[in-house]
C-alpha atoms as a PDB file:
ATOM      1  CA  MET A   1     -19.804  -2.439  24.608  1.00  0.00           C
ATOM      2  CA  MET A   2     -18.594  -4.903  22.007  1.00  0.00           C
ATOM      3  CA  ALA A   3     -17.634  -8.314  23.353  1.00  0.00           C
ATOM      4  CA  LYS A   4     -14.076  -9.480  22.727  1.00  0.00           C
ATOM      5  CA  SER A   5     -15.257 -12.593  20.911  1.00  0.00           C
ATOM      6  CA  GLN A   6     -18.234 -14.682  19.884  1.00  0.00           C
ATOM      7  CA  GLY A   7     -18.516 -18.458  20.061  1.00  0.00           C
ATOM      8  CA  ASP A   8     -16.501 -21.196  21.714  1.00  0.00           C
ATOM      9  CA  MET A   9     -12.714 -21.256  21.243  1.00  0.00           C
ATOM     10  CA  ASN A  10     -12.929 -25.037  20.996  1.00  0.00           C
ATOM     11  CA  TYR A  11     -14.690 -24.738  17.641  1.00  0.00           C
ATOM     12  CA  GLN A  12     -12.483 -25.796  14.745  1.00  0.00           C
ATOM     13  CA  MET A  13     -13.131 -22.782  12.500  1.00  0.00           C
ATOM     14  CA  TRP A  14     -12.086 -19.280  13.548  1.00  0.00           C
ATOM     15  CA  LEU A  15     -12.665 -15.891  11.919  1.00  0.00           C
ATOM     16  CA  VAL A  16     -10.207 -13.128  12.860  1.00  0.00           C
ATOM     17  CA  GLY A  17     -10.945  -9.550  11.881  1.00  0.00           C
ATOM     18  CA  ASP A  18      -8.759  -6.470  12.176  1.00  0.00           C
ATOM     19  CA  SER A  19      -9.982  -4.384  15.114  1.00  0.00           C
ATOM     20  CA  ASN A  20     -13.189  -2.964  16.531  1.00  0.00           C
ATOM     21  CA  PRO A  21     -14.838  -0.327  14.291  1.00  0.00           C
ATOM     22  CA  THR A  22     -14.181   2.860  16.250  1.00  0.00           C
ATOM     23  CA  ASN A  23     -17.472   4.557  15.489  1.00  0.00           C
ATOM     24  CA  TRP A  24     -19.628   1.513  16.174  1.00  0.00           C
ATOM     25  CA  GLN A  25     -18.037  -0.496  18.960  1.00  0.00           C
ATOM     26  CA  THR A  26     -20.413   0.889  21.587  1.00  0.00           C
ATOM     27  CA  LYS A  27     -23.435  -0.059  19.462  1.00  0.00           C
ATOM     28  CA  LEU A  28     -22.434  -3.472  18.093  1.00  0.00           C
ATOM     29  CA  GLN A  29     -22.430  -6.594  20.205  1.00  0.00           C
ATOM     30  CA  GLN A  30     -19.578  -8.707  18.803  1.00  0.00           C
ATOM     31  CA  PRO A  31     -16.676  -8.705  16.331  1.00  0.00           C
ATOM     32  CA  LEU A  32     -17.741  -8.944  12.672  1.00  0.00           C
ATOM     33  CA  ASP A  33     -21.281  -8.265  13.873  1.00  0.00           C
ATOM     34  CA  SER A  34     -23.741  -9.404  11.214  1.00  0.00           C
ATOM     35  CA  ARG A  35     -25.607  -6.079  11.480  1.00  0.00           C
ATOM     36  CA  HIS A  36     -22.542  -4.222  10.193  1.00  0.00           C
ATOM     37  CA  PRO A  37     -22.050  -4.188   6.395  1.00  0.00           C
ATOM     38  CA  ALA A  38     -18.350  -5.069   6.655  1.00  0.00           C
ATOM     39  CA  ARG A  39     -19.108  -8.703   7.421  1.00  0.00           C
ATOM     40  CA  HIS A  40     -21.283  -9.001   4.330  1.00  0.00           C
ATOM     41  CA  ASN A  41     -18.705  -7.247   2.159  1.00  0.00           C
ATOM     42  CA  ILE A  42     -15.782  -9.459   3.173  1.00  0.00           C
ATOM     43  CA  TRP A  43     -17.186 -12.824   4.315  1.00  0.00           C
ATOM     44  CA  THR A  44     -20.807 -13.565   3.374  1.00  0.00           C
ATOM     45  CA  PRO A  45     -20.204 -13.915  -0.418  1.00  0.00           C
ATOM     46  CA  ILE A  46     -17.354 -16.362   0.236  1.00  0.00           C
ATOM     47  CA  LEU A  47     -19.446 -18.341   2.713  1.00  0.00           C
ATOM     48  CA  LEU A  48     -22.284 -18.608   0.209  1.00  0.00           C
ATOM     49  CA  GLU A  49     -19.900 -19.965  -2.437  1.00  0.00           C
ATOM     50  CA  ILE A  50     -18.542 -22.524   0.016  1.00  0.00           C
ATOM     51  CA  GLN A  51     -22.043 -23.596   1.010  1.00  0.00           C
ATOM     52  CA  ASP A  52     -23.106 -24.034  -2.619  1.00  0.00           C
ATOM     53  CA  HIS A  53     -20.104 -26.195  -3.456  1.00  0.00           C
ATOM     54  CA  VAL A  54     -20.157 -28.453  -0.397  1.00  0.00           C
ATOM     55  CA  PHE A  55     -23.911 -28.989  -0.674  1.00  0.00           C
ATOM     56  CA  ALA A  56     -23.754 -29.805  -4.377  1.00  0.00           C
ATOM     57  CA  ALA A  57     -20.893 -32.238  -3.806  1.00  0.00           C
ATOM     58  CA  ASP A  58     -22.091 -34.082  -0.719  1.00  0.00           C
ATOM     59  CA  ARG A  59     -25.186 -32.360   0.695  1.00  0.00           C
ATOM     60  CA  LEU A  60     -23.063 -30.786   3.422  1.00  0.00           C
ATOM     61  CA  HIS A  61     -23.524 -27.412   5.072  1.00  0.00           C
ATOM     62  CA  LEU A  62     -21.109 -25.414   7.222  1.00  0.00           C
ATOM     63  CA  ASP A  63     -22.543 -24.902  10.695  1.00  0.00           C
ATOM     64  CA  GLN A  64     -22.324 -21.168  11.332  1.00  0.00           C
ATOM     65  CA  ALA A  65     -23.035 -21.807  15.004  1.00  0.00           C
ATOM     66  CA  LYS A  66     -19.584 -23.436  15.148  1.00  0.00           C
ATOM     67  CA  PHE A  67     -17.574 -20.316  14.259  1.00  0.00           C
ATOM     68  CA  TYR A  68     -15.355 -18.650  16.841  1.00  0.00           C
ATOM     69  CA  VAL A  69     -15.086 -14.962  15.912  1.00  0.00           C
ATOM     70  CA  ARG A  70     -12.767 -12.253  17.222  1.00  0.00           C
ATOM     71  CA  ASN A  71     -10.648  -9.324  16.099  1.00  0.00           C
ATOM     72  CA  ALA A  72      -6.881  -9.370  16.273  1.00  0.00           C
ATOM     73  CA  ILE A  73      -7.009  -6.454  18.716  1.00  0.00           C
ATOM     74  CA  GLN A  74      -9.840  -4.338  20.010  1.00  0.00           C
ATOM     75  CA  ASN A  75      -8.393  -0.823  19.807  1.00  0.00           C
ATOM     76  CA  SER A  76      -7.341   0.189  16.289  1.00  0.00           C
ATOM     77  CA  LYS A  77      -5.135   2.934  17.742  1.00  0.00           C
ATOM     78  CA  GLN A  78      -2.818   0.205  19.060  1.00  0.00           C
ATOM     79  CA  LYS A  79      -1.956  -0.970  15.556  1.00  0.00           C
ATOM     80  CA  PRO A  80       1.702  -0.410  14.620  1.00  0.00           C
ATOM     81  CA  ASP A  81       3.076   1.622  11.777  1.00  0.00           C
ATOM     82  CA  ALA A  82       2.406  -0.512   8.721  1.00  0.00           C
ATOM     83  CA  ALA A  83       6.053  -0.449   7.605  1.00  0.00           C
ATOM     84  CA  ASN A  84       7.557  -1.262  11.003  1.00  0.00           C
ATOM     85  CA  PRO A  85       8.305  -4.939  11.734  1.00  0.00           C
ATOM     86  CA  VAL A  86       8.953  -4.140  15.414  1.00  0.00           C
ATOM     87  CA  TRP A  87       5.731  -4.078  17.394  1.00  0.00           C
ATOM     88  CA  SER A  88       4.969  -2.547  20.775  1.00  0.00           C
ATOM     89  CA  GLU A  89       5.058  -4.456  24.030  1.00  0.00           C
ATOM     90  CA  TYR A  90       1.262  -4.359  24.091  1.00  0.00           C
ATOM     91  CA  LEU A  91       1.051  -6.029  20.664  1.00  0.00           C
ATOM     92  CA  GLN A  92       3.720  -8.590  21.530  1.00  0.00           C
ATOM     93  CA  GLN A  93       1.721  -9.576  24.591  1.00  0.00           C
ATOM     94  CA  ALA A  94      -1.450  -9.773  22.485  1.00  0.00           C
ATOM     95  CA  VAL A  95       0.337 -12.045  20.007  1.00  0.00           C
ATOM     96  CA  GLU A  96       1.554 -14.276  22.838  1.00  0.00           C
ATOM     97  CA  ALA A  97      -1.935 -14.482  24.346  1.00  0.00           C
ATOM     98  CA  PHE A  98      -3.406 -15.441  20.970  1.00  0.00           C
ATOM     99  CA  ARG A  99      -0.633 -18.003  20.500  1.00  0.00           C
ATOM    100  CA  ASP A 100      -1.613 -19.563  23.825  1.00  0.00           C
ATOM    101  CA  ASP A 101      -5.246 -19.751  22.685  1.00  0.00           C
ATOM    102  CA  ILE A 102      -4.235 -21.450  19.435  1.00  0.00           C
ATOM    103  CA  CYS A 103      -2.001 -23.964  21.196  1.00  0.00           C
ATOM    104  CA  LYS A 104      -4.679 -24.736  23.783  1.00  0.00           C
ATOM    105  CA  CYS A 105      -7.585 -25.133  21.360  1.00  0.00           C
ATOM    106  CA  ASN A 106      -5.870 -26.269  18.144  1.00  0.00           C
ATOM    107  CA  PRO A 107      -8.352 -24.826  15.640  1.00  0.00           C
ATOM    108  CA  LYS A 108      -8.166 -26.417  12.210  1.00  0.00           C
ATOM    109  CA  ILE A 109      -8.881 -23.291  10.167  1.00  0.00           C
ATOM    110  CA  ILE A 110      -8.270 -19.623  10.937  1.00  0.00           C
ATOM    111  CA  PHE A 111      -9.602 -17.227   8.321  1.00  0.00           C
ATOM    112  CA  THR A 112      -7.981 -13.810   8.630  1.00  0.00           C
ATOM    113  CA  PHE A 113      -9.288 -10.621   7.030  1.00  0.00           C
ATOM    114  CA  GLY A 114      -6.738  -8.126   5.766  1.00  0.00           C
ATOM    115  CA  ALA A 115      -3.043  -7.448   6.172  1.00  0.00           C
ATOM    116  CA  PHE A 116      -2.829  -6.700   9.897  1.00  0.00           C
ATOM    117  CA  SER A 117      -5.031  -9.602  10.942  1.00  0.00           C
ATOM    118  CA  TYR A 118      -2.962 -11.984   8.818  1.00  0.00           C
ATOM    119  CA  GLU A 119       0.397 -10.754  10.147  1.00  0.00           C
ATOM    120  CA  PHE A 120      -0.936 -10.853  13.717  1.00  0.00           C
ATOM    121  CA  THR A 121      -2.033 -14.473  13.243  1.00  0.00           C
ATOM    122  CA  ARG A 122       1.196 -15.397  11.392  1.00  0.00           C
ATOM    123  CA  ARG A 123       3.198 -14.233  14.383  1.00  0.00           C
ATOM    124  CA  SER A 124       0.919 -16.083  16.767  1.00  0.00           C
ATOM    125  CA  SER A 125       1.309 -19.273  14.701  1.00  0.00           C
ATOM    126  CA  HIS A 126       5.076 -18.993  14.064  1.00  0.00           C
ATOM    127  CA  LEU A 127       4.552 -18.890  10.292  1.00  0.00           C
ATOM    128  CA  GLY A 128       7.920 -17.457   9.303  1.00  0.00           C
ATOM    129  CA  GLU A 129       9.805 -14.370  10.368  1.00  0.00           C
ATOM    130  CA  PRO A 130       7.839 -11.312  11.564  1.00  0.00           C
ATOM    131  CA  MET A 131       7.144  -8.893   8.723  1.00  0.00           C
ATOM    132  CA  PRO A 132       5.818  -5.338   8.488  1.00  0.00           C
ATOM    133  CA  TYR A 133       2.152  -5.813   7.871  1.00  0.00           C
ATOM    134  CA  ASN A 134       2.288  -3.702   4.725  1.00  0.00           C
ATOM    135  CA  THR A 135       4.144  -6.676   3.222  1.00  0.00           C
ATOM    136  CA  TRP A 136       0.674  -8.091   2.705  1.00  0.00           C
ATOM    137  CA  ASN A 137      -1.234  -6.486  -0.132  1.00  0.00           C
ATOM    138  CA  THR A 138      -3.885  -7.873  -2.465  1.00  0.00           C
ATOM    139  CA  ARG A 139      -1.254  -9.732  -4.513  1.00  0.00           C
ATOM    140  CA  THR A 140       0.853 -11.170  -1.684  1.00  0.00           C
ATOM    141  CA  LEU A 141      -2.235 -12.158   0.319  1.00  0.00           C
ATOM    142  CA  GLY A 142      -3.416 -14.067  -2.751  1.00  0.00           C
ATOM    143  CA  GLU A 143      -0.085 -15.872  -2.918  1.00  0.00           C
ATOM    144  CA  ALA A 144      -0.341 -16.710   0.785  1.00  0.00           C
ATOM    145  CA  PHE A 145      -3.905 -17.939   0.259  1.00  0.00           C
ATOM    146  CA  ARG A 146      -2.818 -20.358  -2.479  1.00  0.00           C
ATOM    147  CA  LYS A 147       0.052 -21.625  -0.346  1.00  0.00           C
ATOM    148  CA  ALA A 148      -2.292 -22.211   2.608  1.00  0.00           C
ATOM    149  CA  ILE A 149      -4.781 -24.105   0.440  1.00  0.00           C
ATOM    150  CA  ASN A 150      -2.086 -26.198  -1.265  1.00  0.00           C
ATOM    151  CA  THR A 151      -0.436 -27.181   2.029  1.00  0.00           C
ATOM    152  CA  PHE A 152      -3.659 -27.664   4.041  1.00  0.00           C
ATOM    153  CA  GLN A 153      -3.300 -30.295   6.773  1.00  0.00           C
ATOM    154  CA  PRO A 154      -6.441 -31.399   8.643  1.00  0.00           C
ATOM    155  CA  ASP A 155      -4.487 -32.231  11.809  1.00  0.00           C
ATOM    156  CA  ALA A 156      -2.783 -28.830  12.010  1.00  0.00           C
ATOM    157  CA  THR A 157      -3.885 -25.208  12.310  1.00  0.00           C
ATOM    158  CA  ASN A 158      -4.266 -23.736   8.835  1.00  0.00           C
ATOM    159  CA  VAL A 159      -4.153 -19.940   8.537  1.00  0.00           C
ATOM    160  CA  ILE A 160      -6.026 -18.828   5.417  1.00  0.00           C
ATOM    161  CA  PRO A 161      -5.784 -15.117   4.527  1.00  0.00           C
ATOM    162  CA  LEU A 162      -8.651 -13.235   2.921  1.00  0.00           C
ATOM    163  CA  LEU A 163      -9.118  -9.588   1.989  1.00  0.00           C
ATOM    164  CA  HIS A 164     -10.674  -6.920   4.169  1.00  0.00           C
ATOM    165  CA  VAL A 165     -11.962  -3.537   2.998  1.00  0.00           C
ATOM    166  CA  SER A 166      -9.851  -3.458  -0.182  1.00  0.00           C
ATOM    167  CA  ILE A 167     -12.352  -5.782  -1.883  1.00  0.00           C
ATOM    168  CA  SER A 168     -15.186  -3.268  -1.395  1.00  0.00           C
ATOM    169  CA  ARG A 169     -13.474   0.041  -2.135  1.00  0.00           C
ATOM    170  CA  GLY A 170     -12.615   1.982  -5.267  1.00  0.00           C
ATOM    171  CA  LYS A 171      -9.930  -0.393  -6.550  1.00  0.00           C
ATOM    172  CA  PHE A 172     -12.037  -3.516  -6.070  1.00  0.00           C
ATOM    173  CA  ILE A 173     -11.512  -4.752  -9.659  1.00  0.00           C
ATOM    174  CA  GLU A 174      -7.759  -4.511  -9.166  1.00  0.00           C
ATOM    175  CA  SER A 175      -8.146  -6.410  -5.885  1.00  0.00           C
ATOM    176  CA  HIS A 176     -10.017  -9.251  -7.620  1.00  0.00           C
ATOM    177  CA  ASN A 177      -7.325  -9.512 -10.308  1.00  0.00           C
ATOM    178  CA  ASN A 178      -4.325  -9.231  -7.985  1.00  0.00           C
ATOM    179  CA  PHE A 179      -5.520 -11.689  -5.358  1.00  0.00           C
ATOM    180  CA  CYS A 180      -6.556 -14.317  -7.904  1.00  0.00           C
ATOM    181  CA  ASP A 181      -3.531 -13.638 -10.147  1.00  0.00           C
ATOM    182  CA  SER A 182      -5.884 -13.595 -13.114  1.00  0.00           C
ATOM    183  CA  GLN A 183      -7.600 -10.859 -15.080  1.00  0.00           C
ATOM    184  CA  GLY A 184     -11.396 -10.934 -14.865  1.00  0.00           C
ATOM    185  CA  GLN A 185     -11.474 -13.475 -12.022  1.00  0.00           C
ATOM    186  CA  ASN A 186     -14.067 -13.146  -9.260  1.00  0.00           C
ATOM    187  CA  TYR A 187     -12.349 -13.161  -5.847  1.00  0.00           C
ATOM    188  CA  PHE A 188     -15.439 -14.372  -3.994  1.00  0.00           C
ATOM    189  CA  VAL A 189     -16.070 -17.275  -6.363  1.00  0.00           C
ATOM    190  CA  TYR A 190     -12.381 -18.150  -6.464  1.00  0.00           C
ATOM    191  CA  THR A 191     -11.772 -18.235  -2.709  1.00  0.00           C
ATOM    192  CA  GLY A 192     -15.092 -19.972  -2.024  1.00  0.00           C
ATOM    193  CA  ARG A 193     -14.461 -22.646  -4.631  1.00  0.00           C
ATOM    194  CA  GLU A 194     -10.864 -23.316  -3.592  1.00  0.00           C
ATOM    195  CA  THR A 195     -11.733 -23.426   0.099  1.00  0.00           C
ATOM    196  CA  ALA A 196     -14.737 -25.689  -0.460  1.00  0.00           C
ATOM    197  CA  ALA A 197     -12.655 -28.164  -2.466  1.00  0.00           C
ATOM    198  CA  LYS A 198     -10.148 -28.461   0.356  1.00  0.00           C
ATOM    199  CA  LEU A 199     -12.846 -28.837   3.015  1.00  0.00           C
ATOM    200  CA  LEU A 200     -14.418 -31.600   0.950  1.00  0.00           C
ATOM    201  CA  ASP A 201     -11.082 -33.392   0.671  1.00  0.00           C
ATOM    202  CA  PHE A 202     -10.989 -33.687   4.457  1.00  0.00           C
ATOM    203  CA  ARG A 203     -14.716 -33.664   5.182  1.00  0.00           C
ATOM    204  CA  ASN A 204     -14.538 -36.623   7.568  1.00  0.00           C
ATOM    205  CA  LYS A 205     -11.777 -35.060   9.671  1.00  0.00           C
ATOM    206  CA  LEU A 206     -13.409 -31.690  10.249  1.00  0.00           C
ATOM    207  CA  ASP A 207     -16.105 -31.029  12.838  1.00  0.00           C
ATOM    208  CA  ILE A 208     -17.540 -28.018  11.010  1.00  0.00           C
ATOM    209  CA  TRP A 209     -20.721 -29.397   9.471  1.00  0.00           C
ATOM    210  CA  VAL A 210     -24.387 -29.134  10.345  1.00  0.00           C
ATOM    211  CA  ASP A 211     -25.465 -32.414  11.925  1.00  0.00           C
ATOM    212  CA  ALA A 212     -28.035 -33.605   9.390  1.00  0.00           C
ATOM    213  CA  LYS A 213     -29.293 -36.367  11.688  1.00  0.00           C
ATOM    214  CA  ALA A 214     -29.998 -33.869  14.452  1.00  0.00           C
ATOM    215  CA  VAL A 215     -31.826 -31.599  12.018  1.00  0.00           C
ATOM    216  CA  ASP A 216     -33.870 -34.549  10.720  1.00  0.00           C
ATOM    217  CA  SER A 217     -34.787 -35.669  14.233  1.00  0.00           C
ATOM    218  CA  GLN A 218     -35.859 -32.139  15.154  1.00  0.00           C
ATOM    219  CA  GLY A 219     -38.041 -32.044  12.060  1.00  0.00           C
ATOM    220  CA  GLU A 220     -39.606 -35.368  12.955  1.00  0.00           C
ATOM    221  CA  SER A 221     -40.269 -34.198  16.498  1.00  0.00           C
ATOM    222  CA  ALA A 222     -41.914 -31.036  15.199  1.00  0.00           C
ATOM    223  CA  GLY A 223     -44.034 -33.149  12.870  1.00  0.00           C
ATOM    224  CA  GLU A 224     -45.138 -35.370  15.727  1.00  0.00           C
ATOM    225  CA  ARG A 225     -46.135 -32.324  17.792  1.00  0.00           C
ATOM    226  CA  THR A 226     -48.132 -30.994  14.876  1.00  0.00           C
END
């Protein structure tokens, strides 16, 4: 059975997916399981862009062992009607529980994937009035992404929305253009570049990097054993 989460909630970078994949939740071990293609469709290309930029700028590398990963909810059947701003008691309790986790752990960055995940996290973070989650499409999520990047504060929790399956389905070109608000733009390059630039701005305030000294010392120890 799929675990509810992966990683330590005290990590500063969180990834929040939509819900457990119905057909695979008994075979996968954790949310956004790296064996499932969805993770590599929606996150891996962005991560690679971030890694390239931060390494080129300052020889930094995001530590993937410091990601806390979960889905907004586990059972997709509990999701509300997309056009209804009023959510069930179950979902309201889930939002409150997630809000408690955020307040307790104070993550610096929460990446959300798709409309429902973003609205769920918005409500948990008190980011404006509750909205029907179909408010968030490829264009409005792009607008929210730019706002989150432009107002990024290293001492607060920053909710950064990304796309989910829309970037890998039939209208993927339209998704690239709408999210980036530019014809011919590459969503993965765009979000990776913009995110990397902001992380670099606050590199000394974020505990998200591979510890180069620890890696070097491990290499030296291995060399001594050899």
